[in-house]
């Protein structure tokens, strides 16, 4: 959880994020990052243990549901936020 909160903290400091939500489901855990509080999440970080031996249990989704990064190591997956390959369009 600490690496995710570090990324979220950096995003809040730069003004890219304002709110977050955590969801626990029987098959996955979700950490959603919101640009504004009253809309859909801009980014979702999910852990799906069923995919641990296949594609990787961690995945980062963009606002349109596209997969930005998937993998077995959380820190490696979160590096997608270090690169400025994507721009949020209002």
C-alpha atoms as a PDB file:
ATOM      1  CA  UNK A   1       0.000   0.000   0.000  1.00  0.00           C
ATOM      2  CA  UNK A   2       2.907   2.342   0.694  1.00  0.00           C
ATOM      3  CA  UNK A   3       4.110   2.544  -2.953  1.00  0.00           C
ATOM      4  CA  UNK A   4       0.575   3.379  -4.088  1.00  0.00           C
ATOM      5  CA  UNK A   5       0.212   6.115  -1.471  1.00  0.00           C
ATOM      6  CA  UNK A   6       3.602   7.531  -2.482  1.00  0.00           C
ATOM      7  CA  UNK A   7       2.412   7.838  -6.093  1.00  0.00           C
ATOM      8  CA  UNK A   8      -0.879   9.343  -4.949  1.00  0.00           C
ATOM      9  CA  UNK A   9       0.923  11.862  -2.739  1.00  0.00           C
ATOM     10  CA  UNK A  10       3.102  13.010  -5.636  1.00  0.00           C
ATOM     11  CA  UNK A  11       0.027  13.398  -7.818  1.00  0.00           C
ATOM     12  CA  UNK A  12      -1.736  15.482  -5.157  1.00  0.00           C
ATOM     13  CA  UNK A  13       1.345  17.675  -4.799  1.00  0.00           C
ATOM     14  CA  UNK A  14       1.385  18.391  -8.543  1.00  0.00           C
ATOM     15  CA  UNK A  15      -2.377  18.959  -8.686  1.00  0.00           C
ATOM     16  CA  UNK A  16      -3.122  15.909 -10.856  1.00  0.00           C
ATOM     17  CA  UNK A  17      -5.226  14.171  -8.191  1.00  0.00           C
ATOM     18  CA  UNK A  18      -7.675  15.368  -5.577  1.00  0.00           C
ATOM     19  CA  UNK A  19      -9.336  12.267  -4.127  1.00  0.00           C
ATOM     20  CA  UNK A  20      -9.074   8.494  -3.933  1.00  0.00           C
ATOM     21  CA  UNK A  21     -11.206   5.472  -3.113  1.00  0.00           C
ATOM     22  CA  UNK A  22     -10.385   1.937  -2.046  1.00  0.00           C
ATOM     23  CA  UNK A  23     -12.578  -0.993  -2.981  1.00  0.00           C
ATOM     24  CA  UNK A  24     -12.269  -4.560  -1.732  1.00  0.00           C
ATOM     25  CA  UNK A  25     -14.068  -7.241  -3.723  1.00  0.00           C
ATOM     26  CA  UNK A  26     -13.975 -11.048  -3.487  1.00  0.00           C
ATOM     27  CA  UNK A  27     -11.789 -11.352  -6.599  1.00  0.00           C
ATOM     28  CA  UNK A  28      -9.769  -8.097  -6.565  1.00  0.00           C
ATOM     29  CA  UNK A  29      -8.732  -4.950  -4.696  1.00  0.00           C
ATOM     30  CA  UNK A  30      -8.994  -1.518  -6.338  1.00  0.00           C
ATOM     31  CA  UNK A  31      -7.345   1.813  -5.564  1.00  0.00           C
ATOM     32  CA  UNK A  32      -9.016   4.526  -7.659  1.00  0.00           C
ATOM     33  CA  UNK A  33      -7.499   7.985  -8.146  1.00  0.00           C
ATOM     34  CA  UNK A  34      -9.808  10.859  -9.004  1.00  0.00           C
ATOM     35  CA  UNK A  35      -8.947  14.177 -10.599  1.00  0.00           C
ATOM     36  CA  UNK A  36     -12.211  15.577  -9.189  1.00  0.00           C
ATOM     37  CA  UNK A  37     -14.420  14.006  -6.539  1.00  0.00           C
ATOM     38  CA  UNK A  38     -17.688  13.811  -8.492  1.00  0.00           C
ATOM     39  CA  UNK A  39     -16.612  11.903 -11.590  1.00  0.00           C
ATOM     40  CA  UNK A  40     -15.252   8.529 -12.645  1.00  0.00           C
ATOM     41  CA  UNK A  41     -11.711   7.652 -11.580  1.00  0.00           C
ATOM     42  CA  UNK A  42      -8.936   8.944 -13.810  1.00  0.00           C
ATOM     43  CA  UNK A  43      -6.698   5.982 -12.920  1.00  0.00           C
ATOM     44  CA  UNK A  44      -7.379   2.628 -11.273  1.00  0.00           C
ATOM     45  CA  UNK A  45      -4.756   0.380  -9.735  1.00  0.00           C
ATOM     46  CA  UNK A  46      -6.050  -3.166  -9.339  1.00  0.00           C
ATOM     47  CA  UNK A  47      -4.677  -6.306  -7.752  1.00  0.00           C
ATOM     48  CA  UNK A  48      -6.215  -9.482  -9.139  1.00  0.00           C
ATOM     49  CA  UNK A  49      -4.570 -12.503  -7.437  1.00  0.00           C
ATOM     50  CA  UNK A  50      -6.103 -14.910  -9.969  1.00  0.00           C
ATOM     51  CA  UNK A  51      -3.802 -13.441 -12.647  1.00  0.00           C
ATOM     52  CA  UNK A  52      -0.612 -13.802 -10.583  1.00  0.00           C
ATOM     53  CA  UNK A  53       0.743 -16.687 -12.665  1.00  0.00           C
ATOM     54  CA  UNK A  54      -0.555 -15.413 -15.991  1.00  0.00           C
ATOM     55  CA  UNK A  55      -0.315 -11.733 -16.931  1.00  0.00           C
ATOM     56  CA  UNK A  56       0.592 -10.350 -13.533  1.00  0.00           C
ATOM     57  CA  UNK A  57      -1.637  -9.543 -10.629  1.00  0.00           C
ATOM     58  CA  UNK A  58      -1.162  -5.741 -10.782  1.00  0.00           C
ATOM     59  CA  UNK A  59      -2.682  -3.535 -13.468  1.00  0.00           C
ATOM     60  CA  UNK A  60      -3.097   0.225 -13.989  1.00  0.00           C
ATOM     61  CA  UNK A  61      -6.108   1.369 -16.017  1.00  0.00           C
ATOM     62  CA  UNK A  62      -6.626   4.777 -17.584  1.00  0.00           C
ATOM     63  CA  UNK A  63      -9.827   6.791 -17.516  1.00  0.00           C
ATOM     64  CA  UNK A  64     -11.262   5.106 -20.617  1.00  0.00           C
ATOM     65  CA  UNK A  65     -10.536   1.621 -19.289  1.00  0.00           C
ATOM     66  CA  UNK A  66      -7.338   1.129 -21.299  1.00  0.00           C
ATOM     67  CA  UNK A  67      -4.545  -0.887 -19.720  1.00  0.00           C
ATOM     68  CA  UNK A  68      -1.586   1.422 -19.117  1.00  0.00           C
ATOM     69  CA  UNK A  69       0.674  -1.158 -17.464  1.00  0.00           C
ATOM     70  CA  UNK A  70       0.387  -4.724 -16.206  1.00  0.00           C
ATOM     71  CA  UNK A  71       2.886  -6.860 -14.354  1.00  0.00           C
ATOM     72  CA  UNK A  72       3.965  -9.022 -11.451  1.00  0.00           C
ATOM     73  CA  UNK A  73       5.807  -6.325  -9.456  1.00  0.00           C
ATOM     74  CA  UNK A  74       3.827  -3.404  -8.010  1.00  0.00           C
ATOM     75  CA  UNK A  75       6.717  -0.914  -8.062  1.00  0.00           C
ATOM     76  CA  UNK A  76       7.457  -1.703 -11.714  1.00  0.00           C
ATOM     77  CA  UNK A  77       3.797  -1.247 -12.642  1.00  0.00           C
ATOM     78  CA  UNK A  78       3.611   2.078 -10.806  1.00  0.00           C
ATOM     79  CA  UNK A  79       6.507   3.441 -12.883  1.00  0.00           C
ATOM     80  CA  UNK A  80       3.897   4.299 -15.510  1.00  0.00           C
ATOM     81  CA  UNK A  81       3.149   7.361 -13.359  1.00  0.00           C
ATOM     82  CA  UNK A  82       6.796   8.474 -13.476  1.00  0.00           C
ATOM     83  CA  UNK A  83       6.726   8.793 -17.254  1.00  0.00           C
ATOM     84  CA  UNK A  84       4.682  11.482 -18.873  1.00  0.00           C
ATOM     85  CA  UNK A  85       3.407   9.288 -21.699  1.00  0.00           C
ATOM     86  CA  UNK A  86      -0.184  10.247 -21.044  1.00  0.00           C
ATOM     87  CA  UNK A  87      -2.019  13.514 -20.629  1.00  0.00           C
ATOM     88  CA  UNK A  88      -5.337  13.964 -18.893  1.00  0.00           C
ATOM     89  CA  UNK A  89      -7.835  15.676 -21.184  1.00  0.00           C
ATOM     90  CA  UNK A  90     -10.695  17.527 -19.547  1.00  0.00           C
END
